[in-house]
């Protein structure tokens, strides 16, 4: 992978809380437009690692860069060049669609003109008419997910972090959401995603599996299934996770 294509570079990244090492010297790279699955059981350290990559937590040791910016020294620049979406919080349900778009676009630094243009573009691409003035909380879950993803990428970030974005939704809605991920990837956006659904791990270009703060496996789904003589990513995950000594 050429250095210009490495949108995320991590070398011996470590995070300690007192005597507890949450993330233990992990290293990996993620390319431009790649869909990278970041897996791990509860307590594995993946949430802590993602917080460092998003510029929300300073590493104890090691280095990492996201979109060309150092996560330890340039955290604010990292935040400006990434998008973020989670299952737990993505939109304000009491605000209208239009108000959510304007709010997050403003947070990402878009001008008033850009906000107006992007709002019109999203209304068209998401087939939102009268819904633009409706409260987000009353929209169908599928529409909420599409809107949340669109808002997270409204500023055309180089990387979008998706933290279990499809938790609690039906399989059809999950599959449709992954179509948005494919479209973003095809357009050159790097997608860094955590998920508890092992069938979704199959959709990634490459997958890493963390156990007890360390990356114990890294490769394409096909490579990992071959390495572990497994029929599915679920079998790969179970083979690794059964050796875990800690959980949240």
C-alpha atoms as a PDB file:
ATOM      1  CA  UNK A   1       0.000   0.000   0.000  1.00  0.00           C
ATOM      2  CA  UNK A   2       1.476   3.355  -1.060  1.00  0.00           C
ATOM      3  CA  UNK A   3       1.910   5.906   1.748  1.00  0.00           C
ATOM      4  CA  UNK A   4      -0.454   8.304  -0.039  1.00  0.00           C
ATOM      5  CA  UNK A   5      -3.183   5.660   0.155  1.00  0.00           C
ATOM      6  CA  UNK A   6      -2.794   5.065   3.891  1.00  0.00           C
ATOM      7  CA  UNK A   7      -5.576   7.095   5.444  1.00  0.00           C
ATOM      8  CA  UNK A   8      -5.145   5.512   8.887  1.00  0.00           C
ATOM      9  CA  UNK A   9      -1.700   4.520  10.185  1.00  0.00           C
ATOM     10  CA  UNK A  10      -1.295   2.999  13.649  1.00  0.00           C
ATOM     11  CA  UNK A  11       2.015   1.940  15.204  1.00  0.00           C
ATOM     12  CA  UNK A  12       2.273   0.376  18.667  1.00  0.00           C
ATOM     13  CA  UNK A  13      -0.726   2.400  19.878  1.00  0.00           C
ATOM     14  CA  UNK A  14      -1.209   1.953  23.615  1.00  0.00           C
ATOM     15  CA  UNK A  15      -3.626   3.259  26.229  1.00  0.00           C
ATOM     16  CA  UNK A  16      -3.198   2.641  29.948  1.00  0.00           C
ATOM     17  CA  UNK A  17      -5.433   3.590  32.834  1.00  0.00           C
ATOM     18  CA  UNK A  18      -3.217   3.265  35.883  1.00  0.00           C
ATOM     19  CA  UNK A  19      -1.997  -0.331  35.954  1.00  0.00           C
ATOM     20  CA  UNK A  20      -4.617  -1.466  33.430  1.00  0.00           C
ATOM     21  CA  UNK A  21      -3.617  -1.600  29.754  1.00  0.00           C
ATOM     22  CA  UNK A  22      -6.805  -1.182  27.725  1.00  0.00           C
ATOM     23  CA  UNK A  23      -5.047  -1.095  24.342  1.00  0.00           C
ATOM     24  CA  UNK A  24      -1.767  -2.950  24.150  1.00  0.00           C
ATOM     25  CA  UNK A  25       0.612  -1.857  21.372  1.00  0.00           C
ATOM     26  CA  UNK A  26      -1.628  -2.363  18.324  1.00  0.00           C
ATOM     27  CA  UNK A  27      -0.453  -1.674  14.761  1.00  0.00           C
ATOM     28  CA  UNK A  28      -2.326  -1.606  11.450  1.00  0.00           C
ATOM     29  CA  UNK A  29      -2.994   0.505   8.365  1.00  0.00           C
ATOM     30  CA  UNK A  30      -6.207   1.285   6.492  1.00  0.00           C
ATOM     31  CA  UNK A  31      -6.272   2.367   2.861  1.00  0.00           C
ATOM     32  CA  UNK A  32      -8.282   5.006   1.058  1.00  0.00           C
ATOM     33  CA  UNK A  33     -11.786   3.793   0.256  1.00  0.00           C
ATOM     34  CA  UNK A  34     -11.328   0.618   2.281  1.00  0.00           C
ATOM     35  CA  UNK A  35     -14.100  -0.846   4.437  1.00  0.00           C
ATOM     36  CA  UNK A  36     -12.270  -1.923   7.587  1.00  0.00           C
ATOM     37  CA  UNK A  37     -14.047  -3.999  10.214  1.00  0.00           C
ATOM     38  CA  UNK A  38     -12.832  -3.492  13.789  1.00  0.00           C
ATOM     39  CA  UNK A  39     -14.109  -6.378  15.888  1.00  0.00           C
ATOM     40  CA  UNK A  40     -13.733  -7.463  19.474  1.00  0.00           C
ATOM     41  CA  UNK A  41     -15.726  -8.880  22.343  1.00  0.00           C
ATOM     42  CA  UNK A  42     -16.812  -6.703  25.262  1.00  0.00           C
ATOM     43  CA  UNK A  43     -13.698  -5.521  27.085  1.00  0.00           C
ATOM     44  CA  UNK A  44     -11.386  -6.166  24.133  1.00  0.00           C
ATOM     45  CA  UNK A  45     -10.353  -2.509  23.906  1.00  0.00           C
ATOM     46  CA  UNK A  46     -11.904  -1.585  20.571  1.00  0.00           C
ATOM     47  CA  UNK A  47     -13.945   1.322  21.954  1.00  0.00           C
ATOM     48  CA  UNK A  48     -10.878   2.798  23.646  1.00  0.00           C
ATOM     49  CA  UNK A  49      -8.876   2.392  20.442  1.00  0.00           C
ATOM     50  CA  UNK A  50     -11.594   4.077  18.374  1.00  0.00           C
ATOM     51  CA  UNK A  51     -11.740   7.003  20.814  1.00  0.00           C
ATOM     52  CA  UNK A  52      -8.005   7.560  20.298  1.00  0.00           C
ATOM     53  CA  UNK A  53      -8.365   7.424  16.519  1.00  0.00           C
ATOM     54  CA  UNK A  54     -11.190   9.974  16.661  1.00  0.00           C
ATOM     55  CA  UNK A  55      -9.043  12.394  18.666  1.00  0.00           C
ATOM     56  CA  UNK A  56     -11.115  11.966  21.834  1.00  0.00           C
ATOM     57  CA  UNK A  57      -8.446  10.285  23.962  1.00  0.00           C
ATOM     58  CA  UNK A  58      -4.688  10.831  24.043  1.00  0.00           C
ATOM     59  CA  UNK A  59      -2.519   7.710  23.584  1.00  0.00           C
ATOM     60  CA  UNK A  60      -0.235   6.656  26.416  1.00  0.00           C
ATOM     61  CA  UNK A  61       2.351   5.389  23.928  1.00  0.00           C
ATOM     62  CA  UNK A  62       2.763   4.685  20.234  1.00  0.00           C
ATOM     63  CA  UNK A  63       1.579   6.789  17.311  1.00  0.00           C
ATOM     64  CA  UNK A  64      -1.428   7.043  15.032  1.00  0.00           C
ATOM     65  CA  UNK A  65      -2.457   9.324  12.214  1.00  0.00           C
ATOM     66  CA  UNK A  66      -5.895   9.741  10.657  1.00  0.00           C
ATOM     67  CA  UNK A  67      -6.323  11.633   7.382  1.00  0.00           C
ATOM     68  CA  UNK A  68      -2.713  12.751   7.741  1.00  0.00           C
ATOM     69  CA  UNK A  69      -3.089  14.215  11.244  1.00  0.00           C
ATOM     70  CA  UNK A  70      -1.500  12.940  14.447  1.00  0.00           C
ATOM     71  CA  UNK A  71      -4.174  11.839  16.929  1.00  0.00           C
ATOM     72  CA  UNK A  72      -2.092  12.931  19.905  1.00  0.00           C
ATOM     73  CA  UNK A  73      -0.804  16.305  18.727  1.00  0.00           C
ATOM     74  CA  UNK A  74      -3.496  17.346  16.223  1.00  0.00           C
ATOM     75  CA  UNK A  75      -6.702  15.995  17.727  1.00  0.00           C
ATOM     76  CA  UNK A  76      -8.839  18.985  16.677  1.00  0.00           C
ATOM     77  CA  UNK A  77      -7.707  18.638  13.053  1.00  0.00           C
ATOM     78  CA  UNK A  78      -8.488  14.928  13.170  1.00  0.00           C
ATOM     79  CA  UNK A  79     -12.042  15.721  14.313  1.00  0.00           C
ATOM     80  CA  UNK A  80     -12.564  18.135  11.413  1.00  0.00           C
ATOM     81  CA  UNK A  81     -11.569  15.546   8.816  1.00  0.00           C
ATOM     82  CA  UNK A  82     -13.610  12.580  10.004  1.00  0.00           C
ATOM     83  CA  UNK A  83     -17.267  11.671  10.280  1.00  0.00           C
ATOM     84  CA  UNK A  84     -18.774   9.711  13.145  1.00  0.00           C
ATOM     85  CA  UNK A  85     -21.982   7.759  13.605  1.00  0.00           C
ATOM     86  CA  UNK A  86     -23.032   5.471  16.438  1.00  0.00           C
ATOM     87  CA  UNK A  87     -26.016   3.367  17.353  1.00  0.00           C
ATOM     88  CA  UNK A  88     -26.502   5.173  20.667  1.00  0.00           C
ATOM     89  CA  UNK A  89     -26.473   8.764  19.432  1.00  0.00           C
ATOM     90  CA  UNK A  90     -26.559  10.112  15.915  1.00  0.00           C
ATOM     91  CA  UNK A  91     -29.451  12.578  15.597  1.00  0.00           C
ATOM     92  CA  UNK A  92     -31.601  14.812  17.786  1.00  0.00           C
ATOM     93  CA  UNK A  93     -35.033  13.180  17.661  1.00  0.00           C
ATOM     94  CA  UNK A  94     -36.900  16.313  18.778  1.00  0.00           C
ATOM     95  CA  UNK A  95     -35.446  18.436  15.973  1.00  0.00           C
ATOM     96  CA  UNK A  96     -36.693  18.347  12.393  1.00  0.00           C
ATOM     97  CA  UNK A  97     -34.721  16.748   9.581  1.00  0.00           C
ATOM     98  CA  UNK A  98     -33.771  20.181   8.276  1.00  0.00           C
ATOM     99  CA  UNK A  99     -32.666  21.345  11.725  1.00  0.00           C
ATOM    100  CA  UNK A 100     -30.505  18.246  12.256  1.00  0.00           C
ATOM    101  CA  UNK A 101     -28.799  18.740   8.916  1.00  0.00           C
ATOM    102  CA  UNK A 102     -28.115  22.418   9.636  1.00  0.00           C
ATOM    103  CA  UNK A 103     -26.860  21.691  13.160  1.00  0.00           C
ATOM    104  CA  UNK A 104     -24.348  19.006  12.225  1.00  0.00           C
ATOM    105  CA  UNK A 105     -23.237  20.778   9.059  1.00  0.00           C
ATOM    106  CA  UNK A 106     -22.495  23.818  11.196  1.00  0.00           C
ATOM    107  CA  UNK A 107     -20.563  21.726  13.702  1.00  0.00           C
ATOM    108  CA  UNK A 108     -18.462  20.379  10.827  1.00  0.00           C
ATOM    109  CA  UNK A 109     -17.702  23.951   9.741  1.00  0.00           C
ATOM    110  CA  UNK A 110     -19.786  24.313   6.596  1.00  0.00           C
ATOM    111  CA  UNK A 111     -20.818  27.808   5.536  1.00  0.00           C
ATOM    112  CA  UNK A 112     -24.462  28.896   5.314  1.00  0.00           C
ATOM    113  CA  UNK A 113     -24.361  28.551   1.545  1.00  0.00           C
ATOM    114  CA  UNK A 114     -22.847  25.073   1.789  1.00  0.00           C
ATOM    115  CA  UNK A 115     -25.463  24.062   4.363  1.00  0.00           C
ATOM    116  CA  UNK A 116     -28.254  25.198   2.056  1.00  0.00           C
ATOM    117  CA  UNK A 117     -26.760  23.369  -0.934  1.00  0.00           C
ATOM    118  CA  UNK A 118     -26.105  20.150   1.001  1.00  0.00           C
ATOM    119  CA  UNK A 119     -29.605  20.248   2.525  1.00  0.00           C
ATOM    120  CA  UNK A 120     -31.150  20.455  -0.919  1.00  0.00           C
ATOM    121  CA  UNK A 121     -28.886  17.690  -2.175  1.00  0.00           C
ATOM    122  CA  UNK A 122     -29.766  15.391   0.733  1.00  0.00           C
ATOM    123  CA  UNK A 123     -33.478  16.090   0.360  1.00  0.00           C
ATOM    124  CA  UNK A 124     -33.223  14.913  -3.233  1.00  0.00           C
ATOM    125  CA  UNK A 125     -30.911  11.921  -2.708  1.00  0.00           C
ATOM    126  CA  UNK A 126     -32.867  10.635   0.299  1.00  0.00           C
ATOM    127  CA  UNK A 127     -36.209  11.356  -1.359  1.00  0.00           C
ATOM    128  CA  UNK A 128     -37.266  13.663   1.466  1.00  0.00           C
ATOM    129  CA  UNK A 129     -40.003  16.138   0.654  1.00  0.00           C
ATOM    130  CA  UNK A 130     -42.372  17.166   3.419  1.00  0.00           C
ATOM    131  CA  UNK A 131     -40.259  15.017   5.767  1.00  0.00           C
ATOM    132  CA  UNK A 132     -37.654  17.806   5.864  1.00  0.00           C
ATOM    133  CA  UNK A 133     -39.920  19.650   8.313  1.00  0.00           C
ATOM    134  CA  UNK A 134     -40.827  16.555  10.341  1.00  0.00           C
ATOM    135  CA  UNK A 135     -39.256  15.625  13.669  1.00  0.00           C
ATOM    136  CA  UNK A 136     -36.594  12.967  13.183  1.00  0.00           C
ATOM    137  CA  UNK A 137     -38.043  10.845  15.972  1.00  0.00           C
ATOM    138  CA  UNK A 138     -41.172   9.996  13.998  1.00  0.00           C
ATOM    139  CA  UNK A 139     -39.371   8.887  10.856  1.00  0.00           C
ATOM    140  CA  UNK A 140     -39.084   5.147  10.087  1.00  0.00           C
ATOM    141  CA  UNK A 141     -35.853   3.603  11.403  1.00  0.00           C
ATOM    142  CA  UNK A 142     -34.555   3.018   7.884  1.00  0.00           C
ATOM    143  CA  UNK A 143     -34.883   6.695   7.022  1.00  0.00           C
ATOM    144  CA  UNK A 144     -33.299   7.708  10.316  1.00  0.00           C
ATOM    145  CA  UNK A 145     -30.271   5.537   9.572  1.00  0.00           C
ATOM    146  CA  UNK A 146     -29.842   6.919   6.073  1.00  0.00           C
ATOM    147  CA  UNK A 147     -30.125  10.458   7.413  1.00  0.00           C
ATOM    148  CA  UNK A 148     -27.644   9.788  10.234  1.00  0.00           C
ATOM    149  CA  UNK A 149     -25.086   8.407   7.801  1.00  0.00           C
ATOM    150  CA  UNK A 150     -25.635  11.291   5.375  1.00  0.00           C
ATOM    151  CA  UNK A 151     -25.193  13.833   8.174  1.00  0.00           C
ATOM    152  CA  UNK A 152     -22.007  12.094   9.348  1.00  0.00           C
ATOM    153  CA  UNK A 153     -20.547  12.437   5.862  1.00  0.00           C
ATOM    154  CA  UNK A 154     -22.080  15.797   4.907  1.00  0.00           C
ATOM    155  CA  UNK A 155     -18.657  17.474   4.972  1.00  0.00           C
ATOM    156  CA  UNK A 156     -17.088  14.841   2.689  1.00  0.00           C
ATOM    157  CA  UNK A 157     -14.652  13.457   5.292  1.00  0.00           C
ATOM    158  CA  UNK A 158     -11.756  11.237   4.294  1.00  0.00           C
ATOM    159  CA  UNK A 159     -12.750   8.752   7.001  1.00  0.00           C
ATOM    160  CA  UNK A 160     -16.082   7.903   8.601  1.00  0.00           C
ATOM    161  CA  UNK A 161     -16.151   5.970  11.884  1.00  0.00           C
ATOM    162  CA  UNK A 162     -19.250   3.836  12.392  1.00  0.00           C
ATOM    163  CA  UNK A 163     -19.658   2.513  15.932  1.00  0.00           C
ATOM    164  CA  UNK A 164     -22.149  -0.372  15.790  1.00  0.00           C
ATOM    165  CA  UNK A 165     -24.410   1.675  13.502  1.00  0.00           C
ATOM    166  CA  UNK A 166     -26.913  -1.117  12.759  1.00  0.00           C
ATOM    167  CA  UNK A 167     -27.526  -2.365  16.292  1.00  0.00           C
ATOM    168  CA  UNK A 168     -31.149  -3.159  17.010  1.00  0.00           C
ATOM    169  CA  UNK A 169     -32.519  -2.914  13.480  1.00  0.00           C
ATOM    170  CA  UNK A 170     -33.959  -5.623  11.233  1.00  0.00           C
ATOM    171  CA  UNK A 171     -31.838  -7.515   8.660  1.00  0.00           C
ATOM    172  CA  UNK A 172     -33.414  -5.789   5.645  1.00  0.00           C
ATOM    173  CA  UNK A 173     -32.691  -2.331   7.057  1.00  0.00           C
ATOM    174  CA  UNK A 174     -29.140  -3.420   7.905  1.00  0.00           C
ATOM    175  CA  UNK A 175     -28.548  -4.618   4.359  1.00  0.00           C
ATOM    176  CA  UNK A 176     -29.838  -1.357   2.905  1.00  0.00           C
ATOM    177  CA  UNK A 177     -27.577   0.585   5.244  1.00  0.00           C
ATOM    178  CA  UNK A 178     -24.595  -1.340   3.934  1.00  0.00           C
ATOM    179  CA  UNK A 179     -25.475  -0.169   0.456  1.00  0.00           C
ATOM    180  CA  UNK A 180     -24.713   3.363   1.696  1.00  0.00           C
ATOM    181  CA  UNK A 181     -21.371   2.119   3.023  1.00  0.00           C
ATOM    182  CA  UNK A 182     -20.513   0.595  -0.357  1.00  0.00           C
ATOM    183  CA  UNK A 183     -21.399   3.853  -2.114  1.00  0.00           C
ATOM    184  CA  UNK A 184     -19.197   5.871   0.243  1.00  0.00           C
ATOM    185  CA  UNK A 185     -16.327   3.434  -0.210  1.00  0.00           C
ATOM    186  CA  UNK A 186     -16.665   3.553  -3.993  1.00  0.00           C
ATOM    187  CA  UNK A 187     -16.449   7.346  -3.813  1.00  0.00           C
ATOM    188  CA  UNK A 188     -13.138   7.106  -1.925  1.00  0.00           C
ATOM    189  CA  UNK A 189     -14.258   7.485   1.687  1.00  0.00           C
ATOM    190  CA  UNK A 190     -12.555   5.135   4.125  1.00  0.00           C
ATOM    191  CA  UNK A 191     -15.075   3.343   6.340  1.00  0.00           C
ATOM    192  CA  UNK A 192     -13.972   2.157   9.789  1.00  0.00           C
ATOM    193  CA  UNK A 193     -16.774   0.118  11.326  1.00  0.00           C
ATOM    194  CA  UNK A 194     -17.375  -1.836  14.520  1.00  0.00           C
ATOM    195  CA  UNK A 195     -20.171  -4.375  14.629  1.00  0.00           C
ATOM    196  CA  UNK A 196     -21.463  -7.265  16.707  1.00  0.00           C
ATOM    197  CA  UNK A 197     -23.028  -8.854  13.611  1.00  0.00           C
ATOM    198  CA  UNK A 198     -20.559 -11.321  12.152  1.00  0.00           C
ATOM    199  CA  UNK A 199     -22.427 -11.480   8.850  1.00  0.00           C
ATOM    200  CA  UNK A 200     -21.531  -7.789   8.442  1.00  0.00           C
ATOM    201  CA  UNK A 201     -17.870  -8.629   8.971  1.00  0.00           C
ATOM    202  CA  UNK A 202     -18.131 -10.615   5.737  1.00  0.00           C
ATOM    203  CA  UNK A 203     -18.928  -7.367   3.887  1.00  0.00           C
ATOM    204  CA  UNK A 204     -15.630  -5.704   4.887  1.00  0.00           C
ATOM    205  CA  UNK A 205     -12.508  -5.610   2.734  1.00  0.00           C
ATOM    206  CA  UNK A 206     -10.404  -6.452   5.778  1.00  0.00           C
ATOM    207  CA  UNK A 207     -11.135  -7.238   9.396  1.00  0.00           C
ATOM    208  CA  UNK A 208      -9.154  -7.049  12.626  1.00  0.00           C
ATOM    209  CA  UNK A 209     -10.129  -8.920  15.787  1.00  0.00           C
ATOM    210  CA  UNK A 210      -9.050  -7.590  19.185  1.00  0.00           C
ATOM    211  CA  UNK A 211      -8.727  -9.803  22.254  1.00  0.00           C
ATOM    212  CA  UNK A 212      -7.618  -8.461  25.644  1.00  0.00           C
ATOM    213  CA  UNK A 213      -6.303  -5.210  24.173  1.00  0.00           C
ATOM    214  CA  UNK A 214      -4.301  -6.788  21.347  1.00  0.00           C
ATOM    215  CA  UNK A 215      -5.030  -7.454  17.680  1.00  0.00           C
ATOM    216  CA  UNK A 216      -4.995 -11.228  17.366  1.00  0.00           C
ATOM    217  CA  UNK A 217      -6.071 -11.495  13.720  1.00  0.00           C
ATOM    218  CA  UNK A 218      -5.970  -9.184  10.702  1.00  0.00           C
ATOM    219  CA  UNK A 219      -6.852  -9.887   7.086  1.00  0.00           C
ATOM    220  CA  UNK A 220      -9.654 -10.260   4.574  1.00  0.00           C
ATOM    221  CA  UNK A 221     -12.627 -12.396   5.643  1.00  0.00           C
ATOM    222  CA  UNK A 222     -11.528 -15.063   3.177  1.00  0.00           C
ATOM    223  CA  UNK A 223      -7.971 -15.076   4.545  1.00  0.00           C
ATOM    224  CA  UNK A 224      -9.117 -15.306   8.151  1.00  0.00           C
ATOM    225  CA  UNK A 225     -11.568 -18.129   7.440  1.00  0.00           C
ATOM    226  CA  UNK A 226      -8.796 -20.042   5.710  1.00  0.00           C
ATOM    227  CA  UNK A 227      -6.320 -19.387   8.534  1.00  0.00           C
ATOM    228  CA  UNK A 228      -8.740 -20.610  11.200  1.00  0.00           C
ATOM    229  CA  UNK A 229     -10.257 -23.351   9.032  1.00  0.00           C
ATOM    230  CA  UNK A 230     -13.653 -21.751   9.592  1.00  0.00           C
ATOM    231  CA  UNK A 231     -16.811 -21.646   7.496  1.00  0.00           C
ATOM    232  CA  UNK A 232     -17.796 -18.153   8.642  1.00  0.00           C
ATOM    233  CA  UNK A 233     -16.490 -15.052  10.388  1.00  0.00           C
ATOM    234  CA  UNK A 234     -18.629 -16.023  13.341  1.00  0.00           C
ATOM    235  CA  UNK A 235     -16.518 -19.171  13.744  1.00  0.00           C
ATOM    236  CA  UNK A 236     -13.322 -17.122  13.444  1.00  0.00           C
ATOM    237  CA  UNK A 237     -14.535 -14.686  16.077  1.00  0.00           C
ATOM    238  CA  UNK A 238     -15.577 -17.437  18.474  1.00  0.00           C
ATOM    239  CA  UNK A 239     -12.237 -19.206  18.093  1.00  0.00           C
ATOM    240  CA  UNK A 240     -10.420 -16.043  19.133  1.00  0.00           C
ATOM    241  CA  UNK A 241     -12.862 -14.669  21.711  1.00  0.00           C
ATOM    242  CA  UNK A 242     -13.002 -17.894  23.731  1.00  0.00           C
ATOM    243  CA  UNK A 243      -9.454 -17.152  24.881  1.00  0.00           C
ATOM    244  CA  UNK A 244     -10.353 -13.722  26.246  1.00  0.00           C
ATOM    245  CA  UNK A 245      -9.626 -13.196  29.931  1.00  0.00           C
ATOM    246  CA  UNK A 246     -11.513  -9.957  30.466  1.00  0.00           C
ATOM    247  CA  UNK A 247     -14.874  -8.429  29.656  1.00  0.00           C
ATOM    248  CA  UNK A 248     -16.617  -5.132  30.276  1.00  0.00           C
END
